Amino acid sequence: MIQKNILLNLLGQIRIYSLIDLIILLIAIDTPKLKFIGVILLHLGFLLFLEYTHKHKYRVKFPKYLWILFILIGIVLYNSPLVLGFLVFSFLYAKKNLPILCPYSPIFRGIQSYFLVAGVIGLFNPFSFLVGILLLLRNFAGDLRDITKDQKEGMNTLPVILGFSNNVKYIHLIFILFTTFIWWYLADISIIWILIAYMLQIGSYNLTPR
């Protein structure tokens, strides 16, 4: 039972619901195979770096420097100088526990996603900007979900600064399902895939220790 709980804790930190959303997004923009794998590894490396940086007591630790391996292989397979933008804003987002950076974390997340997609379809492609804006809004929705937790941890997110006091419980999940729908619609793939995606996203959402 203990091993099962540890496995579920680690699995939850990978945020399967977000990974599925990213996969459908990459399909929508016709990402080449190697770059596809590179993006996934960069994303996972970012998540592990996030956990390594924040060190939440209620989350089981991954191997200490596994994130470096994922990032390095991801950089090689991604094969674009725009990875620098992704890395810079990933680092800034991971430092959201610093009071001076915390309010801007949704912006960092949006720009991070913009660079990740721009490395596949171009800096000036309108869809790159759309992805950045939607991920900015989605991350803000995550802050709305975590208001009371952020207050306890001393995180001055934008909702906390604006005086919100109660969590908006399902807004982040709803926004994830919304972005997944957009990517699915643009990918022009069978409705079966979005139904499977939604079942996996909803089923895995609460695995993430919060």
Protein backbone atom coordinates (compact mmCIF):
# COMPACT_ATOMS: atom_id res chain seq x y z
CA MET A 1 0.00 0.00 0.00
CA ILE A 2 2.86 2.39 0.85
CA GLN A 3 4.58 1.69 -2.48
CA LYS A 4 1.29 2.25 -4.30
CA ASN A 5 0.83 5.62 -2.57
CA ILE A 6 4.38 6.65 -3.49
CA LEU A 7 3.78 5.67 -7.12
CA LEU A 8 0.52 7.61 -7.28
CA ASN A 9 2.21 10.63 -5.67
CA LEU A 10 4.99 10.59 -8.28
CA LEU A 11 2.52 10.00 -11.09
CA GLY A 12 0.44 12.92 -9.90
CA GLN A 13 3.44 15.24 -10.04
CA ILE A 14 3.81 14.51 -13.76
CA ARG A 15 0.33 15.99 -14.20
CA ILE A 16 -1.06 13.54 -16.73
CA TYR A 17 -3.97 15.87 -17.48
CA SER A 18 -1.54 18.57 -18.64
CA LEU A 19 0.66 16.11 -20.54
CA ILE A 20 -2.35 14.85 -22.52
CA ASP A 21 -3.28 18.43 -23.37
CA LEU A 22 0.27 19.04 -24.62
CA ILE A 23 0.27 15.88 -26.75
CA ILE A 24 -2.94 16.92 -28.52
CA LEU A 25 -1.51 20.41 -29.02
CA LEU A 26 1.61 18.93 -30.65
CA ILE A 27 -0.57 16.83 -32.95
CA ALA A 28 -2.54 19.95 -33.91
CA ILE A 29 0.62 21.76 -35.06
CA ASP A 30 1.99 18.72 -36.95
CA THR A 31 5.12 18.42 -34.81
CA PRO A 32 7.86 16.25 -36.36
CA LYS A 33 8.54 13.03 -34.43
CA LEU A 34 11.92 13.89 -32.89
CA LYS A 35 10.83 17.41 -31.99
CA PHE A 36 7.64 15.93 -30.54
CA ILE A 37 9.67 13.76 -28.16
CA GLY A 38 11.93 16.73 -27.41
CA VAL A 39 8.98 18.89 -26.36
CA ILE A 40 7.62 16.14 -24.10
CA LEU A 41 11.02 15.72 -22.42
CA LEU A 42 11.43 19.48 -21.99
CA HIS A 43 7.98 19.64 -20.41
CA LEU A 44 8.72 16.75 -18.04
CA GLY A 45 12.13 18.23 -17.21
CA PHE A 46 10.43 21.51 -16.35
CA LEU A 47 7.94 19.77 -14.05
CA LEU A 48 10.70 17.87 -12.25
CA PHE A 49 12.75 21.05 -11.90
CA LEU A 50 9.66 22.71 -10.46
CA GLU A 51 9.34 19.98 -7.84
CA TYR A 52 13.10 20.05 -7.15
CA THR A 53 12.92 23.82 -6.59
CA HIS A 54 9.78 24.00 -4.45
CA LYS A 55 10.40 20.91 -2.28
CA HIS A 56 6.81 20.50 -1.07
CA LYS A 57 6.72 18.20 1.96
CA TYR A 58 3.58 16.45 0.74
CA ARG A 59 5.25 15.34 -2.52
CA VAL A 60 7.61 12.38 -2.88
CA LYS A 61 11.00 13.37 -4.28
CA PHE A 62 12.12 12.25 -7.73
CA PRO A 63 15.82 11.37 -8.22
CA LYS A 64 17.57 14.66 -7.52
CA TYR A 65 18.95 15.58 -10.95
CA LEU A 66 16.67 13.58 -13.24
CA TRP A 67 15.32 16.87 -14.56
CA ILE A 68 18.74 17.71 -16.02
CA LEU A 69 18.77 14.51 -18.09
CA PHE A 70 15.29 15.20 -19.45
CA ILE A 71 16.16 18.81 -20.29
CA LEU A 72 19.44 17.96 -22.03
CA ILE A 73 17.93 15.24 -24.22
CA GLY A 74 14.94 17.49 -24.87
CA ILE A 75 17.19 20.34 -26.04
CA VAL A 76 18.96 18.06 -28.53
CA LEU A 77 15.73 16.64 -29.97
CA TYR A 78 13.89 19.98 -29.97
CA ASN A 79 16.76 21.40 -32.02
CA SER A 80 15.79 25.08 -32.01
CA PRO A 81 17.49 28.19 -30.56
CA LEU A 82 14.08 29.18 -29.20
CA VAL A 83 14.62 26.60 -26.47
CA LEU A 84 16.54 29.38 -24.71
CA GLY A 85 13.31 31.34 -24.27
CA PHE A 86 11.58 28.24 -22.92
CA LEU A 87 14.40 27.65 -20.43
CA VAL A 88 14.55 31.26 -19.22
CA PHE A 89 10.82 31.51 -18.55
CA SER A 90 10.70 28.01 -17.08
CA PHE A 91 13.32 29.14 -14.57
CA LEU A 92 11.41 32.34 -13.78
CA TYR A 93 8.19 30.37 -13.27
CA ALA A 94 9.93 27.88 -11.00
CA LYS A 95 10.99 30.83 -8.83
CA LYS A 96 7.39 31.92 -8.27
CA ASN A 97 7.90 31.41 -4.53
CA LEU A 98 9.91 34.66 -4.57
CA PRO A 99 7.56 37.55 -3.66
CA ILE A 100 8.86 39.78 -6.47
CA LEU A 101 8.15 37.15 -9.15
CA CYS A 102 5.05 35.42 -7.81
CA PRO A 103 2.39 37.79 -9.23
CA TYR A 104 3.85 37.42 -12.72
CA SER A 105 3.96 33.61 -12.78
CA PRO A 106 1.00 33.22 -15.19
CA ILE A 107 2.80 35.54 -17.62
CA PHE A 108 5.99 33.47 -17.33
CA ARG A 109 4.01 30.29 -18.01
CA GLY A 110 2.32 31.83 -21.03
CA ILE A 111 5.59 33.04 -22.56
CA GLN A 112 7.24 29.70 -21.80
CA SER A 113 4.50 27.92 -23.77
CA TYR A 114 4.71 30.50 -26.56
CA PHE A 115 8.41 29.75 -27.09
CA LEU A 116 7.82 26.00 -26.94
CA VAL A 117 5.26 26.16 -29.75
CA ALA A 118 7.11 28.88 -31.69
CA GLY A 119 10.10 26.55 -31.98
CA VAL A 120 7.84 24.25 -34.02
CA ILE A 121 5.69 26.63 -36.11
CA GLY A 122 7.49 30.01 -35.91
CA LEU A 123 7.82 33.10 -33.72
CA PHE A 124 5.27 35.12 -35.68
CA ASN A 125 2.68 32.43 -36.26
CA PRO A 126 -0.62 33.67 -34.75
CA PHE A 127 -1.22 30.26 -33.21
CA SER A 128 1.99 30.58 -31.15
CA PHE A 129 0.55 33.75 -29.60
CA LEU A 130 -2.83 32.08 -29.05
CA VAL A 131 -1.19 29.23 -27.14
CA GLY A 132 0.75 31.69 -25.00
CA ILE A 133 -2.37 33.67 -24.11
CA LEU A 134 -4.48 30.61 -23.33
CA LEU A 135 -1.76 29.08 -21.13
CA LEU A 136 -1.38 32.40 -19.31
CA LEU A 137 -5.11 32.40 -18.56
CA ARG A 138 -5.05 28.72 -17.62
CA ASN A 139 -2.25 29.26 -15.13
CA PHE A 140 -4.15 32.19 -13.63
CA ALA A 141 -7.09 29.79 -13.26
CA GLY A 142 -4.73 27.49 -11.35
CA ASP A 143 -3.95 30.34 -8.97
CA LEU A 144 -7.68 30.88 -8.47
CA ARG A 145 -7.98 27.20 -7.56
CA ASP A 146 -5.18 27.41 -4.97
CA ILE A 147 -5.97 30.66 -3.16
CA THR A 148 -6.19 29.30 0.39
CA LYS A 149 -3.14 27.04 -0.03
CA ASP A 150 -1.11 29.90 -1.48
CA GLN A 151 -2.13 32.16 1.40
CA LYS A 152 -0.95 29.56 3.94
CA GLU A 153 2.36 29.14 2.09
CA GLY A 154 2.90 32.89 1.81
CA MET A 155 2.58 32.91 -1.99
CA ASN A 156 1.49 36.33 -3.21
CA THR A 157 -0.20 35.21 -6.39
CA LEU A 158 -2.30 37.72 -8.28
CA PRO A 159 -5.64 36.45 -6.85
CA VAL A 160 -4.18 36.76 -3.31
CA ILE A 161 -2.97 40.30 -4.03
CA LEU A 162 -6.38 41.20 -5.46
CA GLY A 163 -8.02 40.08 -2.21
CA PHE A 164 -9.69 36.83 -3.24
CA SER A 165 -10.19 34.63 -0.19
CA ASN A 166 -11.94 31.48 -1.44
CA ASN A 167 -10.79 28.82 -3.89
CA VAL A 168 -12.57 28.61 -7.23
CA LYS A 169 -12.52 24.84 -7.09
CA TYR A 170 -12.95 23.49 -10.62
CA ILE A 171 -11.97 26.47 -12.76
CA HIS A 172 -8.50 25.14 -13.61
CA LEU A 173 -9.79 21.72 -14.68
CA ILE A 174 -12.49 23.39 -16.79
CA PHE A 175 -9.85 25.54 -18.48
CA ILE A 176 -7.69 22.48 -19.20
CA LEU A 177 -10.66 20.73 -20.82
CA PHE A 178 -11.31 23.92 -22.80
CA THR A 179 -7.76 24.17 -24.20
CA THR A 180 -7.75 20.45 -24.98
CA PHE A 181 -10.96 20.93 -26.95
CA ILE A 182 -9.39 23.75 -28.97
CA TRP A 183 -6.29 21.70 -29.81
CA TRP A 184 -8.46 18.67 -30.66
CA TYR A 185 -10.69 20.74 -32.94
CA LEU A 186 -7.70 22.15 -34.81
CA ALA A 187 -6.01 18.74 -34.99
CA ASP A 188 -9.03 17.37 -36.89
CA ILE A 189 -8.85 13.94 -35.25
CA SER A 190 -11.62 11.56 -34.26
CA ILE A 191 -14.01 12.51 -31.46
CA ILE A 192 -13.02 9.25 -29.79
CA TRP A 193 -9.64 10.77 -28.92
CA ILE A 194 -11.06 13.74 -27.07
CA LEU A 195 -13.44 11.48 -25.15
CA ILE A 196 -10.48 9.32 -24.09
CA ALA A 197 -8.46 12.44 -23.29
CA TYR A 198 -11.24 13.85 -21.12
CA MET A 199 -11.66 10.59 -19.19
CA LEU A 200 -7.91 10.44 -18.49
CA GLN A 201 -7.70 14.12 -17.58
CA ILE A 202 -10.64 14.09 -15.21
CA GLY A 203 -9.55 10.75 -13.73
CA SER A 204 -5.95 11.88 -13.12
CA TYR A 205 -6.57 15.47 -12.04
CA ASN A 206 -6.82 14.80 -8.32
CA LEU A 207 -3.73 12.57 -8.29
CA THR A 208 -1.55 15.66 -8.08
CA PRO A 209 -0.80 16.29 -4.36
CA ARG A 210 -1.93 19.82 -3.45
